[in-house]
Amino acid sequence: MRHFGWSEGNEVYLPLIDAEHRALFELADSLQNAVSAGARATEVREHLHRLTAQAEEHFTHEEWLMQSAGYPSYGWHKHQHDTARPSKAS
């Protein structure tokens, strides 16, 4: 199974955003390792919760930065975030 790994090809060359992206890769890798190792469901849920919470924090921060800078592809990029966010029950 291929593991999550950060590489220079993932960089966006904004140090703060690259650091957030690296942290997400590390959390995803930890989750994958737990699943691969047959960790208890409670442990897997903890990894998943950390990853989703960190992802939401990153998405919110990155969207704020894009709006503040007038990033022309904000709508497209926000849509990418929205597809990764868990859907909320109505």
Protein backbone atom coordinates (compact mmCIF):
# COMPACT_ATOMS: atom_id res chain seq x y z
CA MET A 1 0.00 0.00 0.00
CA ARG A 2 1.37 3.41 -0.95
CA HIS A 3 1.87 5.72 2.00
CA PHE A 4 1.41 9.45 2.19
CA GLY A 5 4.71 11.19 1.79
CA TRP A 6 5.62 14.83 1.39
CA SER A 7 7.85 15.80 -1.50
CA GLU A 8 9.03 19.03 -3.07
CA GLY A 9 6.41 18.48 -5.77
CA ASN A 10 3.74 19.21 -3.17
CA GLU A 11 5.12 22.63 -2.27
CA VAL A 12 3.21 25.81 -3.02
CA TYR A 13 6.21 27.92 -1.90
CA LEU A 14 4.36 29.68 0.90
CA PRO A 15 6.20 28.47 4.02
CA LEU A 16 3.21 28.60 6.37
CA ILE A 17 0.90 26.77 3.94
CA ASP A 18 3.61 24.23 3.10
CA ALA A 19 4.02 23.55 6.83
CA GLU A 20 0.27 23.03 7.20
CA HIS A 21 0.23 20.72 4.18
CA ARG A 22 3.18 18.72 5.57
CA ALA A 23 1.34 18.32 8.88
CA LEU A 24 -1.72 17.01 7.03
CA PHE A 25 0.43 14.50 5.16
CA GLU A 26 1.91 13.32 8.47
CA LEU A 27 -1.55 12.91 10.03
CA ALA A 28 -2.81 11.01 6.99
CA ASP A 29 0.24 8.74 7.12
CA SER A 30 -0.34 8.10 10.84
CA LEU A 31 -3.96 7.18 10.11
CA GLN A 32 -2.92 4.85 7.31
CA ASN A 33 -0.29 3.23 9.52
CA ALA A 34 -2.85 2.64 12.27
CA VAL A 35 -5.27 1.02 9.82
CA SER A 36 -2.51 -1.09 8.25
CA ALA A 37 -1.35 -2.25 11.68
CA GLY A 38 -4.87 -3.37 12.62
CA ALA A 39 -5.28 -0.76 15.36
CA ARG A 40 -8.41 -0.79 17.50
CA ALA A 41 -11.35 1.14 16.09
CA THR A 42 -11.08 3.73 18.87
CA GLU A 43 -7.47 4.46 17.92
CA VAL A 44 -8.34 4.71 14.23
CA ARG A 45 -11.18 7.12 15.08
CA GLU A 46 -8.75 9.27 17.10
CA HIS A 47 -6.37 9.48 14.13
CA LEU A 48 -9.27 10.27 11.80
CA HIS A 49 -10.60 12.95 14.16
CA ARG A 50 -7.17 14.63 14.36
CA LEU A 51 -6.84 14.58 10.58
CA THR A 52 -10.30 15.99 9.89
CA ALA A 53 -9.97 18.68 12.57
CA GLN A 54 -6.57 19.76 11.26
CA ALA A 55 -7.85 19.72 7.67
CA GLU A 56 -10.80 21.96 8.56
CA GLU A 57 -8.51 24.36 10.41
CA HIS A 58 -6.19 24.46 7.39
CA PHE A 59 -9.05 24.91 4.88
CA THR A 60 -10.45 27.82 6.88
CA HIS A 61 -7.03 29.46 7.16
CA GLU A 62 -6.14 28.94 3.51
CA GLU A 63 -9.53 30.24 2.32
CA TRP A 64 -9.08 33.36 4.46
CA LEU A 65 -5.63 33.93 2.96
CA MET A 66 -6.92 33.46 -0.58
CA GLN A 67 -9.81 35.88 -0.04
CA SER A 68 -7.51 38.43 1.63
CA ALA A 69 -5.11 38.30 -1.31
CA GLY A 70 -7.85 38.38 -3.95
CA TYR A 71 -6.71 35.00 -5.27
CA PRO A 72 -8.41 34.65 -8.69
CA SER A 73 -9.01 30.89 -8.39
CA TYR A 74 -10.54 31.12 -4.91
CA GLY A 75 -13.92 29.70 -5.99
CA TRP A 76 -12.36 26.67 -7.66
CA HIS A 77 -10.02 26.02 -4.73
CA LYS A 78 -12.79 26.41 -2.13
CA HIS A 79 -14.83 23.90 -4.11
CA GLN A 80 -11.91 21.46 -3.80
CA HIS A 81 -11.95 21.97 -0.04
CA ASP A 82 -15.73 21.56 0.07
CA THR A 83 -15.53 18.21 -1.72
CA ALA A 84 -13.09 17.01 0.96
CA ARG A 85 -15.19 18.26 3.87
CA PRO A 86 -17.61 15.80 5.44
CA SER A 87 -21.16 16.54 4.37
CA LYS A 88 -23.35 17.90 7.11
CA ALA A 89 -26.65 16.14 7.72
CA SER A 90 -29.64 18.36 7.05
